[in-house]
């Protein structure tokens, strides 16, 4: 982690994967199967201040909402960040449609 952890959310469509929001505004995605100390699957600069909340949309795999003490909420499509070929969402999610 790049700073103190502020929030954690398990990916509902990929039970082995989770996201961590940190005090420096970053959100990082991890795979629990990789073990302790494994690098994140991805990092994204979600906010300029602490990212304090994460919420997945159960109806749309790979769609995340973040909130911060910067008084902003953001919608983040994670489909291209999970590292799957073809730009799909998390493992187990239906194919991404344009």
C-alpha atoms as a PDB file:
ATOM      1  CA  UNK A   1       0.000   0.000   0.000  1.00  0.00           C
ATOM      2  CA  UNK A   2       1.166   3.482  -0.830  1.00  0.00           C
ATOM      3  CA  UNK A   3      -0.522   5.002   2.257  1.00  0.00           C
ATOM      4  CA  UNK A   4      -2.915   4.051   5.077  1.00  0.00           C
ATOM      5  CA  UNK A   5      -5.878   1.936   4.008  1.00  0.00           C
ATOM      6  CA  UNK A   6      -9.199   3.798   4.147  1.00  0.00           C
ATOM      7  CA  UNK A   7     -11.616   1.253   2.601  1.00  0.00           C
ATOM      8  CA  UNK A   8     -11.721  -2.258   1.171  1.00  0.00           C
ATOM      9  CA  UNK A   9     -14.304  -3.928  -1.088  1.00  0.00           C
ATOM     10  CA  UNK A  10     -14.442  -7.484  -2.423  1.00  0.00           C
ATOM     11  CA  UNK A  11     -15.385  -7.711  -6.106  1.00  0.00           C
ATOM     12  CA  UNK A  12     -18.859  -9.322  -6.175  1.00  0.00           C
ATOM     13  CA  UNK A  13     -18.307 -10.950  -9.576  1.00  0.00           C
ATOM     14  CA  UNK A  14     -14.732 -12.096  -8.810  1.00  0.00           C
ATOM     15  CA  UNK A  15     -14.678 -13.402  -5.228  1.00  0.00           C
ATOM     16  CA  UNK A  16     -10.878 -13.749  -5.075  1.00  0.00           C
ATOM     17  CA  UNK A  17     -10.298 -10.103  -5.997  1.00  0.00           C
ATOM     18  CA  UNK A  18     -10.640  -6.979  -3.917  1.00  0.00           C
ATOM     19  CA  UNK A  19      -9.898  -3.269  -4.059  1.00  0.00           C
ATOM     20  CA  UNK A  20      -8.235  -1.089  -1.463  1.00  0.00           C
ATOM     21  CA  UNK A  21      -8.638   2.691  -1.256  1.00  0.00           C
ATOM     22  CA  UNK A  22      -5.871   4.625   0.439  1.00  0.00           C
ATOM     23  CA  UNK A  23      -5.254   7.874   2.231  1.00  0.00           C
ATOM     24  CA  UNK A  24      -3.380   9.285  -0.769  1.00  0.00           C
ATOM     25  CA  UNK A  25      -6.412   8.866  -3.085  1.00  0.00           C
ATOM     26  CA  UNK A  26      -5.185   5.751  -4.881  1.00  0.00           C
ATOM     27  CA  UNK A  27      -7.286   2.637  -5.478  1.00  0.00           C
ATOM     28  CA  UNK A  28      -5.432  -0.648  -6.008  1.00  0.00           C
ATOM     29  CA  UNK A  29      -6.812  -3.999  -7.161  1.00  0.00           C
ATOM     30  CA  UNK A  30      -5.474  -7.265  -5.723  1.00  0.00           C
ATOM     31  CA  UNK A  31      -6.013 -10.981  -6.206  1.00  0.00           C
ATOM     32  CA  UNK A  32      -6.110 -12.845  -2.883  1.00  0.00           C
ATOM     33  CA  UNK A  33      -4.783 -15.990  -4.579  1.00  0.00           C
ATOM     34  CA  UNK A  34      -1.468 -14.216  -5.257  1.00  0.00           C
ATOM     35  CA  UNK A  35      -0.590 -14.244  -1.561  1.00  0.00           C
ATOM     36  CA  UNK A  36       0.711 -11.699   0.910  1.00  0.00           C
ATOM     37  CA  UNK A  37       3.106  -9.136  -0.486  1.00  0.00           C
ATOM     38  CA  UNK A  38       2.043  -9.637  -4.110  1.00  0.00           C
ATOM     39  CA  UNK A  39       1.967  -6.467  -6.203  1.00  0.00           C
ATOM     40  CA  UNK A  40      -1.423  -5.035  -7.140  1.00  0.00           C
ATOM     41  CA  UNK A  41      -3.061  -6.004 -10.417  1.00  0.00           C
ATOM     42  CA  UNK A  42      -3.511  -2.289 -11.069  1.00  0.00           C
ATOM     43  CA  UNK A  43      -3.486   1.121  -9.402  1.00  0.00           C
ATOM     44  CA  UNK A  44      -5.479   4.164 -10.300  1.00  0.00           C
ATOM     45  CA  UNK A  45      -5.337   7.725  -9.041  1.00  0.00           C
ATOM     46  CA  UNK A  46      -8.983   8.116  -8.084  1.00  0.00           C
ATOM     47  CA  UNK A  47      -8.827  11.279  -5.959  1.00  0.00           C
ATOM     48  CA  UNK A  48      -6.555  14.091  -4.787  1.00  0.00           C
ATOM     49  CA  UNK A  49      -7.458  13.475  -1.125  1.00  0.00           C
ATOM     50  CA  UNK A  50      -8.177  10.268   0.824  1.00  0.00           C
ATOM     51  CA  UNK A  51     -10.404   7.818  -1.040  1.00  0.00           C
ATOM     52  CA  UNK A  52     -12.680   6.785   1.813  1.00  0.00           C
ATOM     53  CA  UNK A  53     -15.389   4.642   0.201  1.00  0.00           C
ATOM     54  CA  UNK A  54     -15.684   1.975  -2.498  1.00  0.00           C
ATOM     55  CA  UNK A  55     -18.848   0.354  -3.849  1.00  0.00           C
ATOM     56  CA  UNK A  56     -19.335  -2.091  -6.706  1.00  0.00           C
ATOM     57  CA  UNK A  57     -22.497  -2.104  -8.805  1.00  0.00           C
ATOM     58  CA  UNK A  58     -24.001  -5.590  -8.473  1.00  0.00           C
ATOM     59  CA  UNK A  59     -25.894  -5.176 -11.770  1.00  0.00           C
ATOM     60  CA  UNK A  60     -22.865  -4.095 -13.828  1.00  0.00           C
ATOM     61  CA  UNK A  61     -19.720  -6.210 -13.286  1.00  0.00           C
ATOM     62  CA  UNK A  62     -16.589  -4.083 -13.177  1.00  0.00           C
ATOM     63  CA  UNK A  63     -18.356  -0.807 -12.408  1.00  0.00           C
ATOM     64  CA  UNK A  64     -17.095   0.880  -9.257  1.00  0.00           C
ATOM     65  CA  UNK A  65     -18.026   4.042  -7.383  1.00  0.00           C
ATOM     66  CA  UNK A  66     -15.493   5.839  -5.190  1.00  0.00           C
ATOM     67  CA  UNK A  67     -15.919   8.702  -2.754  1.00  0.00           C
ATOM     68  CA  UNK A  68     -13.373  10.962  -1.139  1.00  0.00           C
ATOM     69  CA  UNK A  69     -12.852  13.690   1.394  1.00  0.00           C
ATOM     70  CA  UNK A  70     -12.279  15.923  -1.654  1.00  0.00           C
ATOM     71  CA  UNK A  71     -16.126  16.036  -1.747  1.00  0.00           C
ATOM     72  CA  UNK A  72     -16.250  14.109  -5.026  1.00  0.00           C
ATOM     73  CA  UNK A  73     -17.726  10.779  -6.044  1.00  0.00           C
ATOM     74  CA  UNK A  74     -16.481   9.069  -9.168  1.00  0.00           C
ATOM     75  CA  UNK A  75     -17.708   6.264 -11.390  1.00  0.00           C
ATOM     76  CA  UNK A  76     -14.838   4.032 -12.485  1.00  0.00           C
ATOM     77  CA  UNK A  77     -15.266   1.347 -15.167  1.00  0.00           C
ATOM     78  CA  UNK A  78     -12.729  -1.345 -14.247  1.00  0.00           C
ATOM     79  CA  UNK A  79     -13.241  -3.552 -17.317  1.00  0.00           C
ATOM     80  CA  UNK A  80      -9.839  -2.745 -18.828  1.00  0.00           C
ATOM     81  CA  UNK A  81      -7.918  -2.718 -15.546  1.00  0.00           C
ATOM     82  CA  UNK A  82      -8.348  -6.326 -14.351  1.00  0.00           C
ATOM     83  CA  UNK A  83      -5.699  -7.576 -16.778  1.00  0.00           C
ATOM     84  CA  UNK A  84      -7.927  -9.869 -18.872  1.00  0.00           C
ATOM     85  CA  UNK A  85      -7.373 -10.200 -22.588  1.00  0.00           C
ATOM     86  CA  UNK A  86     -10.100  -8.667 -24.669  1.00  0.00           C
ATOM     87  CA  UNK A  87     -10.943  -5.970 -22.131  1.00  0.00           C
ATOM     88  CA  UNK A  88     -13.405  -8.054 -20.140  1.00  0.00           C
ATOM     89  CA  UNK A  89     -14.283  -7.357 -16.552  1.00  0.00           C
ATOM     90  CA  UNK A  90     -13.199  -9.336 -13.554  1.00  0.00           C
ATOM     91  CA  UNK A  91     -12.974 -13.089 -14.017  1.00  0.00           C
ATOM     92  CA  UNK A  92     -16.432 -14.634 -14.120  1.00  0.00           C
ATOM     93  CA  UNK A  93     -18.056 -11.464 -15.437  1.00  0.00           C
ATOM     94  CA  UNK A  94     -19.988 -11.522 -18.688  1.00  0.00           C
ATOM     95  CA  UNK A  95     -18.164 -10.125 -21.767  1.00  0.00           C
ATOM     96  CA  UNK A  96     -17.942  -6.352 -21.998  1.00  0.00           C
ATOM     97  CA  UNK A  97     -20.289  -4.866 -24.578  1.00  0.00           C
ATOM     98  CA  UNK A  98     -19.801  -1.453 -26.224  1.00  0.00           C
END
